[in-house]
C-alpha atoms as a PDB file:
ATOM      1  CA  MET A   1      -4.343 -23.480  -2.112  1.00  0.00           C
ATOM      2  CA  PRO A   2      -4.277 -19.688  -2.856  1.00  0.00           C
ATOM      3  CA  ALA A   3      -0.918 -18.036  -3.499  1.00  0.00           C
ATOM      4  CA  PRO A   4       0.520 -16.063  -0.457  1.00  0.00           C
ATOM      5  CA  ASP A   5       0.067 -12.308  -0.500  1.00  0.00           C
ATOM      6  CA  ARG A   6       3.413 -10.724  -1.496  1.00  0.00           C
ATOM      7  CA  ILE A   7       4.927  -7.773   0.197  1.00  0.00           C
ATOM      8  CA  VAL A   8       6.026  -5.022  -2.212  1.00  0.00           C
ATOM      9  CA  ARG A   9       8.407  -2.162  -1.512  1.00  0.00           C
ATOM     10  CA  LEU A  10       8.046   1.493  -2.353  1.00  0.00           C
ATOM     11  CA  ASN A  11       9.764   1.410  -5.778  1.00  0.00           C
ATOM     12  CA  THR A  12       7.250  -1.311  -6.889  1.00  0.00           C
ATOM     13  CA  VAL A  13       4.308   0.768  -5.602  1.00  0.00           C
ATOM     14  CA  LEU A  14       5.611   3.901  -7.356  1.00  0.00           C
ATOM     15  CA  ALA A  15       5.860   2.004 -10.630  1.00  0.00           C
ATOM     16  CA  ARG A  16       2.491   0.268 -10.324  1.00  0.00           C
ATOM     17  CA  THR A  17       0.497   3.403  -9.364  1.00  0.00           C
ATOM     18  CA  GLY A  18       2.412   6.192 -11.266  1.00  0.00           C
ATOM     19  CA  LEU A  19       2.073   8.405  -8.125  1.00  0.00           C
ATOM     20  CA  SER A  20       5.051  10.210  -6.614  1.00  0.00           C
ATOM     21  CA  ARG A  21       6.400   9.365  -3.225  1.00  0.00           C
ATOM     22  CA  SER A  22       4.944  12.393  -1.599  1.00  0.00           C
ATOM     23  CA  THR A  23       1.510  11.833  -3.092  1.00  0.00           C
ATOM     24  CA  ILE A  24       1.418   8.239  -1.733  1.00  0.00           C
ATOM     25  CA  TYR A  25       2.314   9.360   1.758  1.00  0.00           C
ATOM     26  CA  ARG A  26      -0.253  12.303   1.626  1.00  0.00           C
ATOM     27  CA  LYS A  27      -2.930   9.834   0.480  1.00  0.00           C
ATOM     28  CA  ILE A  28      -1.996   7.399   3.298  1.00  0.00           C
ATOM     29  CA  ALA A  29      -2.508  10.315   5.733  1.00  0.00           C
ATOM     30  CA  GLU A  30      -5.958  11.006   4.079  1.00  0.00           C
ATOM     31  CA  SER A  31      -6.784   7.270   4.319  1.00  0.00           C
ATOM     32  CA  THR A  32      -7.254   7.144   0.545  1.00  0.00           C
ATOM     33  CA  PHE A  33      -4.309   4.842  -0.124  1.00  0.00           C
ATOM     34  CA  PRO A  34      -3.266   1.481   1.582  1.00  0.00           C
ATOM     35  CA  ALA A  35      -0.966   2.049   4.507  1.00  0.00           C
ATOM     36  CA  GLN A  36       2.418   0.351   4.610  1.00  0.00           C
ATOM     37  CA  MET A  37       3.367  -2.251   7.216  1.00  0.00           C
ATOM     38  CA  ARG A  38       6.620  -2.610   9.025  1.00  0.00           C
ATOM     39  CA  ILE A  39       8.691  -5.573   7.601  1.00  0.00           C
ATOM     40  CA  SER A  40      11.953  -4.902   9.487  1.00  0.00           C
ATOM     41  CA  ILE A  41      13.489  -2.307  11.767  1.00  0.00           C
ATOM     42  CA  ASN A  42      14.179   0.083   8.899  1.00  0.00           C
ATOM     43  CA  GLY A  43      11.892  -1.325   6.142  1.00  0.00           C
ATOM     44  CA  ALA A  44       8.272  -1.111   5.278  1.00  0.00           C
ATOM     45  CA  GLY A  45       6.182  -2.640   2.539  1.00  0.00           C
ATOM     46  CA  TRP A  46       2.577  -2.940   1.194  1.00  0.00           C
ATOM     47  CA  HIS A  47       0.489  -6.048   0.663  1.00  0.00           C
ATOM     48  CA  GLU A  48       0.319  -6.537  -3.033  1.00  0.00           C
ATOM     49  CA  SER A  49      -3.333  -7.332  -2.915  1.00  0.00           C
ATOM     50  CA  ASP A  50      -4.028  -3.931  -1.398  1.00  0.00           C
ATOM     51  CA  ILE A  51      -2.098  -2.103  -4.169  1.00  0.00           C
ATOM     52  CA  ASN A  52      -3.941  -4.251  -6.758  1.00  0.00           C
ATOM     53  CA  ARG A  53      -7.332  -3.193  -5.211  1.00  0.00           C
ATOM     54  CA  TRP A  54      -6.337   0.420  -5.248  1.00  0.00           C
ATOM     55  CA  VAL A  55      -5.074   0.378  -8.751  1.00  0.00           C
ATOM     56  CA  ALA A  56      -8.338  -1.417  -9.932  1.00  0.00           C
ATOM     57  CA  ASP A  57     -10.540   1.359  -8.353  1.00  0.00           C
ATOM     58  CA  PRO A  58      -8.703   4.227  -6.755  1.00  0.00           C
ATOM     59  CA  VAL A  59     -11.684   6.519  -6.325  1.00  0.00           C
ATOM     60  CA  SER A  60     -13.805   4.091  -4.156  1.00  0.00           C
ATOM     61  CA  TRP A  61     -10.939   2.262  -2.436  1.00  0.00           C
ATOM     62  CA  ARG A  62     -11.316   1.996   1.341  1.00  0.00           C
ATOM     63  CA  PRO A  63      -9.102   0.143   3.822  1.00  0.00           C
ATOM     64  CA  THR A  64     -10.117  -3.364   4.833  1.00  0.00           C
ATOM     65  CA  ARG A  65      -7.256  -4.365   7.177  1.00  0.00           C
ATOM     66  CA  GLU A  66      -6.924  -3.485  10.793  1.00  0.00           C
ATOM     67  CA  GLY A  67      -3.494  -2.350  11.908  1.00  0.00           C
ATOM     68  CA  GLY A  68      -0.413  -2.792   9.707  1.00  0.00           C
ATOM     69  CA  ASP A  69       0.181   1.013   9.830  1.00  0.00           C
ATOM     70  CA  VAL A  70       3.703   2.128  10.373  1.00  0.00           C
ATOM     71  CA  ARG A  71       2.898   5.536  11.832  1.00  0.00           C
END
């Protein structure tokens, strides 16, 4: 059985990517970075697999999930 996809928060995404917070949100608006999903009333996170795919190939990354966007 495959391991479940973890949800990671902003600090983890910042550490994994080396991007600033403003760059991450700009890239989300440009659809060149995975969008976060709402995990509570005041919290959001990213699927770890989406971040791993982006880190592996940021230039050709394209969204694969429908929905999950907090905007």
